[in-house]
Amino acid sequence: MPRLPTPLTLPAGALTDAEIRRARRRRRRSESATAWAFVTPSVLVILGLGILPVVWSLLLSFQADDLVTPSRWVGLQNYHALTQDPNFHQAVHNTLVYTALYVPLSMVFGLVLALALNRRIKLVGLYRTLIFVPFVISAAAQGVLFSFILDPEFGAANSVLHALHISAQGFLTDPGQALNILVAISLWSGTGFCVVIYLAALQDIPPSLMEAARLDGAGRRHLLWHVVLPTLTPVNIFLLVWQVIESLQVFDLVYVTTKGGPLGSTTVIVYFIWEMAFQNFTAGYGAAAAYVLAVALLVIAAGTRLMRRRDPARLEGATR
């Protein structure tokens, strides 16, 4: 007679399925509690220094507040006053001119220098370092340095012009030159960032793609226009957005060098906000101007995101 199989039994002390699930849930809760214990300080810092000030300044933009006496609710009057303020209009104009000059020039100079440094030449590492070093220097230090160099009476720049028999220039004290000088100082420092980004992108171009184009008879000009530049399209979009945002928020250089002068020729939006809030003690008015700038930055970011969604294949470049 065949023997029946021995029934399987759990060893003494073994856990049931329900007990295993409960143990797993307890372990997950313990891990979550540990994770939150590490994350909570950072979350509190973000809430305290990021989100709460944003909400508070939004409410402040609808109030008349001098940061001393109790505020009063004025609704949209601050925003309406901005539309009729000639100083705000001038600040917007100066910011747009600064952006229109700085952004394309920094990208063009950055690309040209990156193409020149993307070769096997002697001391190329030193050249790359020297170009990037100005980007590391703070805007305040740049402002102090060029304030001495461009001083109309004792600066080195006018000394050189005098040696070349060229009349002395006002530079940062001349309303017709000051904003252009600030653009030039920003290019001296900001171009290095574009060079580094473009260099990384150029070195990421597949050698097989370049070799295939050369085998098809493409020269240097054709390689640049039909291979390199299309491949750099995503990088160009990134740098365009980054540089526009940086130029719309320029403040340190203006504050150290010209303080918005002469005659308001270098007053940009962020300096206007600071001036309204902390010099004229109209904090609500300054907060309203800050939110006008915030909306402009959001529109730029949203427009870029929309463009990437509508035409993702073109923005991927020519590498695929």
Protein backbone atom coordinates (compact mmCIF):
# COMPACT_ATOMS: atom_id res chain seq x y z
CA MET A 1 0.00 0.00 0.00
CA PRO A 2 1.55 3.35 -1.05
CA ARG A 3 2.45 5.77 1.72
CA LEU A 4 0.62 9.10 1.88
CA PRO A 5 2.78 12.27 1.72
CA THR A 6 3.56 13.82 5.05
CA PRO A 7 1.62 17.09 5.48
CA LEU A 8 3.71 20.27 5.67
CA THR A 9 3.59 22.03 9.00
CA LEU A 10 5.10 25.30 10.14
CA PRO A 11 7.93 24.92 12.60
CA ALA A 12 7.30 26.07 16.12
CA GLY A 13 7.62 29.83 16.48
CA ALA A 14 7.22 30.56 12.71
CA LEU A 15 5.33 33.74 11.73
CA THR A 16 2.08 33.68 9.83
CA ASP A 17 1.50 35.73 6.65
CA ALA A 18 -0.46 38.35 8.58
CA GLU A 19 2.32 38.72 11.13
CA ILE A 20 4.91 39.06 8.35
CA ARG A 21 2.86 41.82 6.70
CA ARG A 22 2.50 43.63 10.01
CA ALA A 23 6.26 43.38 10.59
CA ARG A 24 6.94 44.80 7.15
CA ARG A 25 4.57 47.69 7.79
CA ARG A 26 6.30 48.44 11.09
CA ARG A 27 9.69 48.36 9.41
CA ARG A 28 8.50 50.72 6.66
CA ARG A 29 7.06 53.13 9.26
CA SER A 30 10.33 53.00 11.17
CA GLU A 31 12.32 53.74 8.00
CA SER A 32 9.95 56.61 7.10
CA ALA A 33 10.29 58.08 10.58
CA THR A 34 14.08 57.90 10.32
CA ALA A 35 14.03 59.51 6.89
CA TRP A 36 11.78 62.34 8.07
CA ALA A 37 14.05 62.90 11.06
CA PHE A 38 16.89 63.64 8.65
CA VAL A 39 14.78 65.63 6.16
CA THR A 40 12.75 67.75 8.60
CA PRO A 41 15.49 70.36 9.32
CA SER A 42 15.91 71.03 5.60
CA VAL A 43 12.14 71.22 5.10
CA LEU A 44 11.85 73.74 7.93
CA VAL A 45 14.64 75.85 6.42
CA ILE A 46 12.94 75.81 3.01
CA LEU A 47 9.61 76.76 4.54
CA GLY A 48 11.11 79.46 6.72
CA LEU A 49 13.44 81.04 4.16
CA GLY A 50 11.63 80.24 0.93
CA ILE A 51 7.90 79.62 0.91
CA LEU A 52 6.85 81.82 3.85
CA PRO A 53 8.68 84.95 2.57
CA VAL A 54 7.14 84.42 -0.88
CA VAL A 55 3.64 84.28 0.58
CA TRP A 56 4.33 87.20 2.92
CA SER A 57 5.71 89.39 0.11
CA LEU A 58 2.69 88.57 -2.06
CA LEU A 59 0.37 89.79 0.69
CA LEU A 60 2.67 92.78 1.21
CA SER A 61 2.29 93.81 -2.43
CA PHE A 62 -1.40 94.53 -1.77
CA GLN A 63 -0.63 96.77 1.22
CA ALA A 64 0.87 100.16 1.98
CA ASP A 65 3.70 99.32 4.35
CA ASP A 66 6.75 101.31 5.45
CA LEU A 67 8.11 98.45 7.63
CA VAL A 68 7.61 100.62 10.74
CA THR A 69 3.97 101.61 11.18
CA PRO A 70 1.03 99.21 10.81
CA SER A 71 0.21 98.44 7.19
CA ARG A 72 -3.11 99.04 5.48
CA TRP A 73 -4.76 97.13 2.64
CA VAL A 74 -4.74 99.00 -0.71
CA GLY A 75 -5.56 96.18 -3.13
CA LEU A 76 -4.17 96.67 -6.63
CA GLN A 77 -3.16 100.29 -6.12
CA ASN A 78 0.55 99.42 -5.96
CA TYR A 79 0.37 97.61 -9.29
CA HIS A 80 -1.63 100.45 -10.82
CA ALA A 81 0.95 102.96 -9.59
CA LEU A 82 3.72 100.95 -11.27
CA THR A 83 2.07 101.39 -14.66
CA GLN A 84 2.27 105.18 -14.23
CA ASP A 85 5.72 105.40 -12.62
CA PRO A 86 8.34 106.78 -15.06
CA ASN A 87 11.16 105.52 -12.84
CA PHE A 88 9.83 101.97 -13.08
CA HIS A 89 9.49 102.33 -16.85
CA GLN A 90 13.09 103.46 -17.05
CA ALA A 91 14.20 100.53 -14.89
CA VAL A 92 12.36 98.10 -17.17
CA HIS A 93 13.90 99.76 -20.24
CA ASN A 94 17.42 99.59 -18.78
CA THR A 95 16.95 95.94 -17.83
CA LEU A 96 15.72 95.01 -21.30
CA VAL A 97 18.61 96.85 -22.96
CA TYR A 98 21.09 95.15 -20.64
CA THR A 99 19.54 91.75 -21.38
CA ALA A 100 19.42 92.36 -25.15
CA LEU A 101 23.13 93.19 -25.17
CA TYR A 102 24.49 90.77 -22.60
CA VAL A 103 22.69 87.53 -23.48
CA PRO A 104 23.51 87.19 -27.21
CA LEU A 105 27.03 88.57 -26.83
CA SER A 106 27.88 86.21 -23.98
CA MET A 107 26.61 83.24 -25.97
CA VAL A 108 28.41 84.23 -29.18
CA PHE A 109 31.71 84.96 -27.41
CA GLY A 110 31.33 81.78 -25.39
CA LEU A 111 30.81 79.66 -28.50
CA VAL A 112 33.71 81.25 -30.37
CA LEU A 113 36.09 80.73 -27.45
CA ALA A 114 34.83 77.17 -26.90
CA LEU A 115 35.46 76.32 -30.55
CA ALA A 116 38.97 77.79 -30.26
CA LEU A 117 39.72 75.87 -27.05
CA ASN A 118 38.25 72.59 -28.26
CA ARG A 119 41.52 71.72 -29.94
CA ARG A 120 44.76 70.04 -28.98
CA ILE A 121 46.90 73.12 -28.50
CA LYS A 122 49.71 73.81 -26.11
CA LEU A 123 48.66 75.02 -22.61
CA VAL A 124 44.97 74.63 -23.49
CA GLY A 125 44.20 73.74 -19.86
CA LEU A 126 45.72 77.03 -18.70
CA TYR A 127 43.71 79.02 -21.23
CA ARG A 128 40.47 77.35 -20.16
CA THR A 129 41.23 78.09 -16.51
CA LEU A 130 42.04 81.75 -17.18
CA ILE A 131 38.78 82.23 -19.07
CA PHE A 132 36.71 80.60 -16.33
CA VAL A 133 38.38 82.35 -13.36
CA PRO A 134 36.46 85.67 -13.79
CA PHE A 135 33.17 83.78 -13.46
CA VAL A 136 34.19 82.62 -9.99
CA ILE A 137 34.89 86.18 -8.80
CA SER A 138 31.89 87.70 -7.05
CA ALA A 139 30.02 90.57 -8.68
CA ALA A 140 30.86 92.81 -5.72
CA ALA A 141 34.59 92.18 -6.17
CA GLN A 142 34.27 92.83 -9.90
CA GLY A 143 32.51 96.09 -9.20
CA VAL A 144 35.23 97.30 -6.81
CA LEU A 145 37.98 96.29 -9.24
CA PHE A 146 36.49 98.04 -12.26
CA SER A 147 35.49 101.09 -10.22
CA PHE A 148 39.21 101.68 -9.64
CA ILE A 149 40.19 100.86 -13.23
CA LEU A 150 37.49 103.05 -14.79
CA ASP A 151 37.75 105.98 -12.40
CA PRO A 152 37.57 109.12 -14.62
CA GLU A 153 40.41 110.93 -12.79
CA PHE A 154 42.77 108.31 -11.42
CA GLY A 155 41.80 105.10 -13.25
CA ALA A 156 44.17 103.03 -15.36
CA ALA A 157 41.78 103.05 -18.34
CA ASN A 158 42.03 106.80 -18.91
CA SER A 159 45.80 106.64 -18.38
CA VAL A 160 46.03 104.18 -21.27
CA LEU A 161 43.75 106.35 -23.41
CA HIS A 162 45.90 109.39 -22.61
CA ALA A 163 49.02 107.49 -23.74
CA LEU A 164 47.21 106.71 -27.00
CA HIS A 165 46.29 110.41 -27.40
CA ILE A 166 42.59 109.69 -26.92
CA SER A 167 40.44 112.02 -24.84
CA ALA A 168 39.45 110.86 -21.36
CA GLN A 169 36.11 109.09 -20.96
CA GLY A 170 33.54 109.28 -18.20
CA PHE A 171 32.85 105.52 -18.23
CA LEU A 172 30.59 104.75 -15.24
CA THR A 173 29.95 108.45 -14.59
CA ASP A 174 28.68 109.11 -18.14
CA PRO A 175 24.92 108.43 -18.61
CA GLY A 176 25.54 107.51 -22.24
CA GLN A 177 28.26 104.96 -21.43
CA ALA A 178 27.48 103.55 -17.98
CA LEU A 179 25.05 100.81 -19.00
CA ASN A 180 27.27 99.63 -21.85
CA ILE A 181 30.23 99.53 -19.48
CA LEU A 182 28.23 97.33 -17.08
CA VAL A 183 27.45 95.00 -19.98
CA ALA A 184 31.16 94.80 -20.83
CA ILE A 185 32.05 94.00 -17.20
CA SER A 186 29.37 91.29 -17.12
CA LEU A 187 30.72 89.83 -20.36
CA TRP A 188 34.21 89.67 -18.85
CA SER A 189 32.90 87.44 -16.09
CA GLY A 190 29.84 85.72 -17.54
CA THR A 191 31.35 84.51 -20.81
CA GLY A 192 33.43 81.93 -18.94
CA PHE A 193 30.29 80.08 -17.88
CA CYS A 194 29.13 79.83 -21.49
CA VAL A 195 32.58 78.62 -22.54
CA VAL A 196 32.51 75.76 -20.04
CA ILE A 197 29.00 74.67 -21.06
CA TYR A 198 29.80 74.84 -24.77
CA LEU A 199 33.07 72.95 -24.28
CA ALA A 200 31.25 70.13 -22.54
CA ALA A 201 28.69 70.01 -25.34
CA LEU A 202 31.32 70.08 -28.10
CA GLN A 203 33.22 67.20 -26.51
CA ASP A 204 29.98 65.25 -26.32
CA ILE A 205 29.46 65.32 -30.10
CA PRO A 206 30.01 61.76 -31.42
CA PRO A 207 33.30 61.59 -33.38
CA SER A 208 31.60 59.19 -35.80
CA LEU A 209 29.15 61.93 -36.77
CA MET A 210 31.94 64.37 -37.54
CA GLU A 211 33.90 61.73 -39.43
CA ALA A 212 30.88 60.79 -41.52
CA ALA A 213 30.36 64.43 -42.47
CA ARG A 214 34.02 64.77 -43.46
CA LEU A 215 33.80 61.65 -45.61
CA ASP A 216 30.81 63.23 -47.37
CA GLY A 217 33.01 66.18 -48.28
CA ALA A 218 31.93 68.68 -45.62
CA GLY A 219 34.43 71.44 -44.86
CA ARG A 220 34.85 73.36 -41.64
CA ARG A 221 32.09 75.82 -42.45
CA HIS A 222 29.65 73.06 -43.37
CA LEU A 223 30.57 71.08 -40.24
CA LEU A 224 29.85 74.14 -38.12
CA TRP A 225 26.51 75.03 -39.71
CA HIS A 226 25.10 71.60 -40.44
CA VAL A 227 26.55 69.40 -37.68
CA VAL A 228 27.89 71.36 -34.71
CA LEU A 229 25.25 74.09 -34.37
CA PRO A 230 22.23 71.77 -34.76
CA THR A 231 23.76 69.46 -32.16
CA LEU A 232 24.16 72.38 -29.76
CA THR A 233 20.48 73.39 -29.97
CA PRO A 234 19.52 72.04 -26.50
CA VAL A 235 22.57 73.76 -25.01
CA ASN A 236 21.65 77.02 -26.72
CA ILE A 237 18.14 76.84 -25.27
CA PHE A 238 19.52 76.18 -21.79
CA LEU A 239 22.04 79.01 -21.97
CA LEU A 240 19.48 81.41 -23.43
CA VAL A 241 17.06 80.83 -20.55
CA TRP A 242 19.82 80.84 -17.93
CA GLN A 243 21.45 84.04 -19.16
CA VAL A 244 18.12 85.84 -19.55
CA ILE A 245 17.15 84.98 -15.97
CA GLU A 246 20.56 86.06 -14.70
CA SER A 247 20.45 89.37 -16.58
CA LEU A 248 16.93 90.19 -15.40
CA GLN A 249 18.13 89.75 -11.81
CA VAL A 250 21.36 91.75 -12.01
CA PHE A 251 21.87 93.79 -8.85
CA ASP A 252 25.27 93.38 -7.15
CA LEU A 253 27.29 94.96 -9.96
CA VAL A 254 24.94 97.95 -10.20
CA TYR A 255 24.90 98.47 -6.44
CA VAL A 256 28.70 98.45 -6.10
CA THR A 257 29.55 100.54 -9.17
CA THR A 258 26.87 103.09 -10.02
CA LYS A 259 23.99 102.70 -7.51
CA GLY A 260 21.57 103.19 -10.36
CA GLY A 261 23.18 106.37 -11.67
CA PRO A 262 24.15 108.54 -13.27
CA LEU A 263 20.69 110.07 -13.76
CA GLY A 264 19.07 106.66 -13.43
CA SER A 265 20.79 105.33 -16.56
CA THR A 266 21.76 102.05 -14.85
CA THR A 267 18.74 101.55 -12.59
CA VAL A 268 17.56 98.00 -13.26
CA ILE A 269 14.46 96.29 -11.92
CA VAL A 270 16.06 94.57 -8.93
CA TYR A 271 17.85 97.76 -7.89
CA PHE A 272 14.55 99.63 -8.26
CA ILE A 273 12.89 97.07 -5.96
CA TRP A 274 15.66 97.46 -3.37
CA GLU A 275 15.50 101.25 -3.61
CA MET A 276 11.73 101.37 -3.14
CA ALA A 277 11.70 98.91 -0.24
CA PHE A 278 14.79 99.86 1.77
CA GLN A 279 15.61 103.45 0.83
CA ASN A 280 12.17 104.98 0.29
CA PHE A 281 10.55 102.64 2.84
CA THR A 282 7.66 101.75 0.53
CA ALA A 283 7.86 98.00 1.05
CA GLY A 284 4.46 97.24 -0.45
CA TYR A 285 5.34 99.13 -3.63
CA GLY A 286 8.67 97.33 -3.86
CA ALA A 287 6.97 93.96 -3.34
CA ALA A 288 4.58 94.73 -6.19
CA ALA A 289 7.55 95.46 -8.49
CA ALA A 290 9.18 92.22 -7.34
CA TYR A 291 6.11 90.24 -8.33
CA VAL A 292 6.04 91.88 -11.74
CA LEU A 293 9.58 90.55 -12.20
CA ALA A 294 8.57 87.14 -10.83
CA VAL A 295 5.72 86.89 -13.33
CA ALA A 296 8.10 87.78 -16.17
CA LEU A 297 10.49 85.01 -15.10
CA LEU A 298 7.62 82.52 -14.85
CA VAL A 299 6.48 83.44 -18.37
CA ILE A 300 10.01 82.85 -19.70
CA ALA A 301 10.25 79.46 -17.97
CA ALA A 302 6.76 78.41 -19.10
CA GLY A 303 7.45 79.52 -22.67
CA THR A 304 10.63 77.46 -22.79
CA ARG A 305 8.88 74.41 -21.40
CA LEU A 306 6.06 74.79 -23.92
CA MET A 307 8.53 75.08 -26.78
CA ARG A 308 10.29 71.89 -25.69
CA ARG A 309 6.96 70.04 -25.58
CA ARG A 310 5.85 71.22 -29.01
CA ASP A 311 9.08 70.42 -30.82
CA PRO A 312 11.04 67.90 -28.74
CA ALA A 313 12.67 66.21 -31.75
CA ARG A 314 14.33 69.40 -33.00
CA LEU A 315 15.64 70.31 -29.56
CA GLU A 316 17.30 66.93 -29.16
CA GLY A 317 19.89 68.06 -31.67
CA ALA A 318 21.44 66.24 -34.58
CA THR A 319 22.99 63.37 -32.67
CA ARG A 320 20.03 61.04 -33.17
